[in-house]
PDB file of all heavy atoms in Angstrom:
ATOM      1  N   GLY A   1     -63.010  14.197 -64.369  1.00  0.00           N
ATOM      2  CA  GLY A   1     -64.138  14.492 -65.232  1.00  0.00           C
ATOM      3  C   GLY A   1     -64.988  15.673 -64.804  1.00  0.00           C
ATOM      4  O   GLY A   1     -65.888  16.082 -65.544  1.00  0.00           O
ATOM      5  N   GLN A   2     -64.734  16.263 -63.633  1.00  0.00           N
ATOM      6  CA  GLN A   2     -65.540  17.391 -63.154  1.00  0.00           C
ATOM      7  C   GLN A   2     -64.796  18.705 -63.405  1.00  0.00           C
ATOM      8  O   GLN A   2     -63.593  18.809 -63.160  1.00  0.00           O
ATOM      9  CB  GLN A   2     -65.838  17.252 -61.659  1.00  0.00           C
ATOM     10  CG  GLN A   2     -66.746  16.082 -61.327  1.00  0.00           C
ATOM     11  CD  GLN A   2     -67.154  16.070 -59.858  1.00  0.00           C
ATOM     12  OE1 GLN A   2     -66.515  16.698 -59.026  1.00  0.00           O
ATOM     13  NE2 GLN A   2     -68.236  15.366 -59.543  1.00  0.00           N
ATOM     14  N   ASP A   3     -65.545  19.703 -63.882  1.00  0.00           N
ATOM     15  CA  ASP A   3     -64.963  21.008 -64.181  1.00  0.00           C
ATOM     16  C   ASP A   3     -64.525  21.695 -62.885  1.00  0.00           C
ATOM     17  O   ASP A   3     -65.332  21.928 -61.984  1.00  0.00           O
ATOM     18  CB  ASP A   3     -65.989  21.867 -64.920  1.00  0.00           C
ATOM     19  CG  ASP A   3     -65.380  23.163 -65.469  1.00  0.00           C
ATOM     20  OD1 ASP A   3     -64.240  23.491 -65.083  1.00  0.00           O
ATOM     21  OD2 ASP A   3     -66.047  23.837 -66.271  1.00  0.00           O
ATOM     22  N   GLN A   4     -63.243  22.007 -62.796  1.00  0.00           N
ATOM     23  CA  GLN A   4     -62.666  22.659 -61.610  1.00  0.00           C
ATOM     24  C   GLN A   4     -61.975  23.969 -61.971  1.00  0.00           C
ATOM     25  O   GLN A   4     -61.215  24.503 -61.171  1.00  0.00           O
ATOM     26  CB  GLN A   4     -61.653  21.717 -60.944  1.00  0.00           C
ATOM     27  CG  GLN A   4     -62.213  20.406 -60.470  1.00  0.00           C
ATOM     28  CD  GLN A   4     -63.042  20.559 -59.196  1.00  0.00           C
ATOM     29  OE1 GLN A   4     -63.152  21.649 -58.631  1.00  0.00           O
ATOM     30  NE2 GLN A   4     -63.656  19.475 -58.764  1.00  0.00           N
ATOM     31  N   THR A   5     -62.265  24.514 -63.143  1.00  0.00           N
ATOM     32  CA  THR A   5     -61.551  25.705 -63.603  1.00  0.00           C
ATOM     33  C   THR A   5     -61.644  26.848 -62.599  1.00  0.00           C
ATOM     34  O   THR A   5     -60.644  27.476 -62.249  1.00  0.00           O
ATOM     35  CB  THR A   5     -62.097  26.158 -64.962  1.00  0.00           C
ATOM     36  OG1 THR A   5     -62.116  25.046 -65.863  1.00  0.00           O
ATOM     37  CG2 THR A   5     -61.220  27.260 -65.546  1.00  0.00           C
ATOM     38  N   VAL A   6     -62.850  27.124 -62.135  1.00  0.00           N
ATOM     39  CA  VAL A   6     -63.055  28.217 -61.177  1.00  0.00           C
ATOM     40  C   VAL A   6     -62.516  27.840 -59.807  1.00  0.00           C
ATOM     41  O   VAL A   6     -61.830  28.625 -59.145  1.00  0.00           O
ATOM     42  CB  VAL A   6     -64.548  28.590 -61.100  1.00  0.00           C
ATOM     43  CG1 VAL A   6     -64.767  29.652 -60.019  1.00  0.00           C
ATOM     44  CG2 VAL A   6     -65.043  29.097 -62.442  1.00  0.00           C
ATOM     45  N   ASN A   7     -62.817  26.617 -59.373  1.00  0.00           N
ATOM     46  CA  ASN A   7     -62.387  26.168 -58.055  1.00  0.00           C
ATOM     47  C   ASN A   7     -60.866  26.144 -57.937  1.00  0.00           C
ATOM     48  O   ASN A   7     -60.313  26.372 -56.857  1.00  0.00           O
ATOM     49  CB  ASN A   7     -62.942  24.775 -57.770  1.00  0.00           C
ATOM     50  CG  ASN A   7     -62.769  24.355 -56.321  1.00  0.00           C
ATOM     51  OD1 ASN A   7     -62.897  25.167 -55.410  1.00  0.00           O
ATOM     52  ND2 ASN A   7     -62.481  23.082 -56.110  1.00  0.00           N
ATOM     53  N   PHE A   8     -60.193  25.879 -59.041  1.00  0.00           N
ATOM     54  CA  PHE A   8     -58.730  25.831 -59.044  1.00  0.00           C
ATOM     55  C   PHE A   8     -58.111  27.176 -59.444  1.00  0.00           C
ATOM     56  O   PHE A   8     -56.919  27.254 -59.728  1.00  0.00           O
ATOM     57  CB  PHE A   8     -58.232  24.742 -59.988  1.00  0.00           C
ATOM     58  CG  PHE A   8     -58.448  23.337 -59.491  1.00  0.00           C
ATOM     59  CD1 PHE A   8     -59.059  23.092 -58.271  1.00  0.00           C
ATOM     60  CD2 PHE A   8     -58.036  22.249 -60.247  1.00  0.00           C
ATOM     61  CE1 PHE A   8     -59.266  21.800 -57.810  1.00  0.00           C
ATOM     62  CE2 PHE A   8     -58.224  20.958 -59.797  1.00  0.00           C
ATOM     63  CZ  PHE A   8     -58.845  20.724 -58.575  1.00  0.00           C
ATOM     64  N   LEU A   9     -58.899  28.223 -59.444  1.00  0.00           N
ATOM     65  CA  LEU A   9     -58.415  29.588 -59.697  1.00  0.00           C
ATOM     66  C   LEU A   9     -57.769  29.721 -61.075  1.00  0.00           C
ATOM     67  O   LEU A   9     -56.787  30.460 -61.258  1.00  0.00           O
ATOM     68  CB  LEU A   9     -57.413  30.025 -58.616  1.00  0.00           C
ATOM     69  CG  LEU A   9     -57.842  29.829 -57.155  1.00  0.00           C
ATOM     70  CD1 LEU A   9     -56.713  30.237 -56.212  1.00  0.00           C
ATOM     71  CD2 LEU A   9     -59.101  30.596 -56.841  1.00  0.00           C
ATOM     72  N   GLY A  10     -58.293  28.996 -62.061  1.00  0.00           N
ATOM     73  CA  GLY A  10     -57.749  29.038 -63.409  1.00  0.00           C
ATOM     74  C   GLY A  10     -57.847  30.425 -64.022  1.00  0.00           C
ATOM     75  O   GLY A  10     -58.911  31.044 -64.023  1.00  0.00           O
ATOM     76  N   GLN A  11     -56.763  30.900 -64.565  1.00  0.00           N
ATOM     77  CA  GLN A  11     -56.721  32.260 -65.126  1.00  0.00           C
ATOM     78  C   GLN A  11     -55.599  32.359 -66.154  1.00  0.00           C
ATOM     79  O   GLN A  11     -54.485  31.896 -65.920  1.00  0.00           O
ATOM     80  CB  GLN A  11     -56.485  33.276 -64.000  1.00  0.00           C
ATOM     81  CG  GLN A  11     -56.558  34.718 -64.443  1.00  0.00           C
ATOM     82  CD  GLN A  11     -56.369  35.669 -63.268  1.00  0.00           C
ATOM     83  OE1 GLN A  11     -56.073  35.254 -62.162  1.00  0.00           O
ATOM     84  NE2 GLN A  11     -56.523  36.951 -63.517  1.00  0.00           N
ATOM     85  N   GLU A  12     -55.941  32.968 -67.316  1.00  0.00           N
ATOM     86  CA  GLU A  12     -54.911  33.168 -68.326  1.00  0.00           C
ATOM     87  C   GLU A  12     -54.054  34.374 -67.947  1.00  0.00           C
ATOM     88  O   GLU A  12     -54.561  35.421 -67.550  1.00  0.00           O
ATOM     89  CB  GLU A  12     -55.532  33.381 -69.708  1.00  0.00           C
ATOM     90  CG  GLU A  12     -54.491  33.462 -70.819  1.00  0.00           C
ATOM     91  CD  GLU A  12     -55.095  33.457 -72.218  1.00  0.00           C
ATOM     92  OE1 GLU A  12     -56.031  32.665 -72.473  1.00  0.00           O
ATOM     93  OE2 GLU A  12     -54.616  34.260 -73.051  1.00  0.00           O
ATOM     94  N   LYS A  13     -52.718  34.211 -68.114  1.00  0.00           N
ATOM     95  CA  LYS A  13     -51.779  35.270 -67.738  1.00  0.00           C
ATOM     96  C   LYS A  13     -50.731  35.440 -68.834  1.00  0.00           C
ATOM     97  O   LYS A  13     -50.533  34.540 -69.653  1.00  0.00           O
ATOM     98  CB  LYS A  13     -51.099  34.941 -66.410  1.00  0.00           C
ATOM     99  CG  LYS A  13     -52.060  34.882 -65.228  1.00  0.00           C
ATOM    100  CD  LYS A  13     -51.317  34.647 -63.917  1.00  0.00           C
ATOM    101  CE  LYS A  13     -52.265  34.671 -62.733  1.00  0.00           C
ATOM    102  NZ  LYS A  13     -51.560  34.477 -61.436  1.00  0.00           N
ATOM    103  N   ASP A  14     -50.086  36.614 -68.815  1.00  0.00           N
ATOM    104  CA  ASP A  14     -49.054  36.877 -69.821  1.00  0.00           C
ATOM    105  C   ASP A  14     -47.641  36.707 -69.268  1.00  0.00           C
ATOM    106  O   ASP A  14     -46.663  37.007 -69.931  1.00  0.00           O
ATOM    107  CB  ASP A  14     -49.218  38.273 -70.423  1.00  0.00           C
ATOM    108  CG  ASP A  14     -49.171  39.373 -69.368  1.00  0.00           C
ATOM    109  OD1 ASP A  14     -48.865  39.062 -68.200  1.00  0.00           O
ATOM    110  OD2 ASP A  14     -49.444  40.532 -69.721  1.00  0.00           O
ATOM    111  N   LYS A  15     -47.552  36.221 -68.018  1.00  0.00           N
ATOM    112  CA  LYS A  15     -46.258  35.900 -67.429  1.00  0.00           C
ATOM    113  C   LYS A  15     -46.384  34.635 -66.603  1.00  0.00           C
ATOM    114  O   LYS A  15     -47.412  34.391 -65.969  1.00  0.00           O
ATOM    115  CB  LYS A  15     -45.740  37.041 -66.544  1.00  0.00           C
ATOM    116  CG  LYS A  15     -45.170  38.221 -67.286  1.00  0.00           C
ATOM    117  CD  LYS A  15     -44.558  39.224 -66.319  1.00  0.00           C
ATOM    118  CE  LYS A  15     -43.967  40.420 -67.059  1.00  0.00           C
ATOM    119  NZ  LYS A  15     -43.363  41.392 -66.115  1.00  0.00           N
ATOM    120  N   SER A  16     -45.310  33.845 -66.600  1.00  0.00           N
ATOM    121  CA  SER A  16     -45.312  32.629 -65.796  1.00  0.00           C
ATOM    122  C   SER A  16     -44.999  32.969 -64.341  1.00  0.00           C
ATOM    123  O   SER A  16     -44.681  34.109 -64.006  1.00  0.00           O
ATOM    124  CB  SER A  16     -44.268  31.646 -66.326  1.00  0.00           C
ATOM    125  OG  SER A  16     -42.956  32.132 -66.048  1.00  0.00           O
ATOM    126  N   MET A  17     -45.076  31.957 -63.486  1.00  0.00           N
ATOM    127  CA  MET A  17     -44.718  32.146 -62.082  1.00  0.00           C
ATOM    128  C   MET A  17     -43.265  32.599 -61.934  1.00  0.00           C
ATOM    129  O   MET A  17     -42.916  33.274 -60.970  1.00  0.00           O
ATOM    130  CB  MET A  17     -44.931  30.839 -61.301  1.00  0.00           C
ATOM    131  CG  MET A  17     -46.370  30.451 -61.115  1.00  0.00           C
ATOM    132  SD  MET A  17     -46.527  28.889 -60.195  1.00  0.00           S
ATOM    133  CE  MET A  17     -46.109  27.690 -61.469  1.00  0.00           C
ATOM    134  N   MET A  18     -42.435  32.233 -62.889  1.00  0.00           N
ATOM    135  CA  MET A  18     -41.019  32.600 -62.853  1.00  0.00           C
ATOM    136  C   MET A  18     -40.753  33.942 -63.516  1.00  0.00           C
ATOM    137  O   MET A  18     -39.612  34.373 -63.644  1.00  0.00           O
ATOM    138  CB  MET A  18     -40.175  31.517 -63.540  1.00  0.00           C
ATOM    139  CG  MET A  18     -40.376  30.129 -62.958  1.00  0.00           C
ATOM    140  SD  MET A  18     -40.056  30.056 -61.179  1.00  0.00           S
ATOM    141  CE  MET A  18     -38.311  30.334 -61.150  1.00  0.00           C
ATOM    142  N   GLY A  19     -41.840  34.615 -63.981  1.00  0.00           N
ATOM    143  CA  GLY A  19     -41.684  35.938 -64.567  1.00  0.00           C
ATOM    144  C   GLY A  19     -41.370  35.953 -66.042  1.00  0.00           C
ATOM    145  O   GLY A  19     -41.051  37.013 -66.597  1.00  0.00           O
ATOM    146  N   VAL A  20     -41.463  34.782 -66.704  1.00  0.00           N
ATOM    147  CA  VAL A  20     -41.179  34.694 -68.140  1.00  0.00           C
ATOM    148  C   VAL A  20     -42.423  35.097 -68.926  1.00  0.00           C
ATOM    149  O   VAL A  20     -43.519  34.597 -68.662  1.00  0.00           O
ATOM    150  CB  VAL A  20     -40.749  33.266 -68.526  1.00  0.00           C
ATOM    151  CG1 VAL A  20     -40.475  33.186 -70.034  1.00  0.00           C
ATOM    152  CG2 VAL A  20     -39.514  32.858 -67.725  1.00  0.00           C
ATOM    153  N   GLU A  21     -42.253  36.013 -69.875  1.00  0.00           N
ATOM    154  CA  GLU A  21     -43.389  36.466 -70.669  1.00  0.00           C
ATOM    155  C   GLU A  21     -43.835  35.386 -71.647  1.00  0.00           C
ATOM    156  O   GLU A  21     -43.039  34.606 -72.167  1.00  0.00           O
ATOM    157  CB  GLU A  21     -43.024  37.748 -71.430  1.00  0.00           C
ATOM    158  CG  GLU A  21     -42.804  38.953 -70.529  1.00  0.00           C
ATOM    159  CD  GLU A  21     -42.589  40.235 -71.306  1.00  0.00           C
ATOM    160  OE1 GLU A  21     -42.538  40.151 -72.559  1.00  0.00           O
ATOM    161  OE2 GLU A  21     -42.479  41.297 -70.672  1.00  0.00           O
ATOM    162  N   GLY A  22     -45.130  35.362 -71.887  1.00  0.00           N
ATOM    163  CA  GLY A  22     -45.709  34.377 -72.790  1.00  0.00           C
ATOM    164  C   GLY A  22     -47.202  34.313 -72.580  1.00  0.00           C
ATOM    165  O   GLY A  22     -47.816  35.231 -72.015  1.00  0.00           O
ATOM    166  N   ARG A  23     -47.800  33.216 -73.009  1.00  0.00           N
ATOM    167  CA  ARG A  23     -49.241  33.026 -72.828  1.00  0.00           C
ATOM    168  C   ARG A  23     -49.436  31.751 -72.019  1.00  0.00           C
ATOM    169  O   ARG A  23     -49.032  30.665 -72.445  1.00  0.00           O
ATOM    170  CB  ARG A  23     -49.931  32.913 -74.180  1.00  0.00           C
ATOM    171  CG  ARG A  23     -51.453  33.027 -74.099  1.00  0.00           C
ATOM    172  CD  ARG A  23     -52.059  33.120 -75.479  1.00  0.00           C
ATOM    173  NE  ARG A  23     -53.492  33.325 -75.419  1.00  0.00           N
ATOM    174  CZ  ARG A  23     -54.280  33.424 -76.490  1.00  0.00           C
ATOM    175  NH1 ARG A  23     -53.749  33.317 -77.720  1.00  0.00           N
ATOM    176  NH2 ARG A  23     -55.565  33.627 -76.353  1.00  0.00           N
ATOM    177  N   TYR A  24     -50.053  31.909 -70.838  1.00  0.00           N
ATOM    178  CA  TYR A  24     -50.139  30.800 -69.905  1.00  0.00           C
ATOM    179  C   TYR A  24     -51.548  30.677 -69.322  1.00  0.00           C
ATOM    180  O   TYR A  24     -52.256  31.675 -69.154  1.00  0.00           O
ATOM    181  CB  TYR A  24     -49.177  30.988 -68.729  1.00  0.00           C
ATOM    182  CG  TYR A  24     -47.725  31.092 -69.102  1.00  0.00           C
ATOM    183  CD1 TYR A  24     -47.168  32.328 -69.433  1.00  0.00           C
ATOM    184  CD2 TYR A  24     -46.907  29.973 -69.096  1.00  0.00           C
ATOM    185  CE1 TYR A  24     -45.826  32.437 -69.755  1.00  0.00           C
ATOM    186  CE2 TYR A  24     -45.559  30.083 -69.420  1.00  0.00           C
ATOM    187  CZ  TYR A  24     -45.018  31.314 -69.744  1.00  0.00           C
ATOM    188  OH  TYR A  24     -43.694  31.422 -70.065  1.00  0.00           O
ATOM    189  N   LEU A  25     -51.894  29.451 -68.995  1.00  0.00           N
ATOM    190  CA  LEU A  25     -53.001  29.213 -68.079  1.00  0.00           C
ATOM    191  C   LEU A  25     -52.371  28.860 -66.741  1.00  0.00           C
ATOM    192  O   LEU A  25     -51.592  27.901 -66.647  1.00  0.00           O
ATOM    193  CB  LEU A  25     -53.901  28.073 -68.539  1.00  0.00           C
ATOM    194  CG  LEU A  25     -54.973  27.695 -67.499  1.00  0.00           C
ATOM    195  CD1 LEU A  25     -56.034  28.779 -67.392  1.00  0.00           C
ATOM    196  CD2 LEU A  25     -55.608  26.347 -67.783  1.00  0.00           C
ATOM    197  N   ASN A  26     -52.682  29.623 -65.719  1.00  0.00           N
ATOM    198  CA  ASN A  26     -52.183  29.353 -64.370  1.00  0.00           C
ATOM    199  C   ASN A  26     -53.336  28.839 -63.535  1.00  0.00           C
ATOM    200  O   ASN A  26     -54.425  29.409 -63.538  1.00  0.00           O
ATOM    201  CB  ASN A  26     -51.598  30.623 -63.744  1.00  0.00           C
ATOM    202  CG  ASN A  26     -51.181  30.406 -62.303  1.00  0.00           C
ATOM    203  OD1 ASN A  26     -51.953  30.654 -61.383  1.00  0.00           O
ATOM    204  ND2 ASN A  26     -49.955  29.946 -62.101  1.00  0.00           N
TER     205      ASN A  26
END
C-alpha cells in the first residue's frame, strides 16, 4: 500500500531488459 515508485527506480523505457523494443515500466 505504500508508494515505492521512486525508491524502486521506476522508469518508463522503450526497450526491455532483453533489448526488445516496446513500451515498458522498469
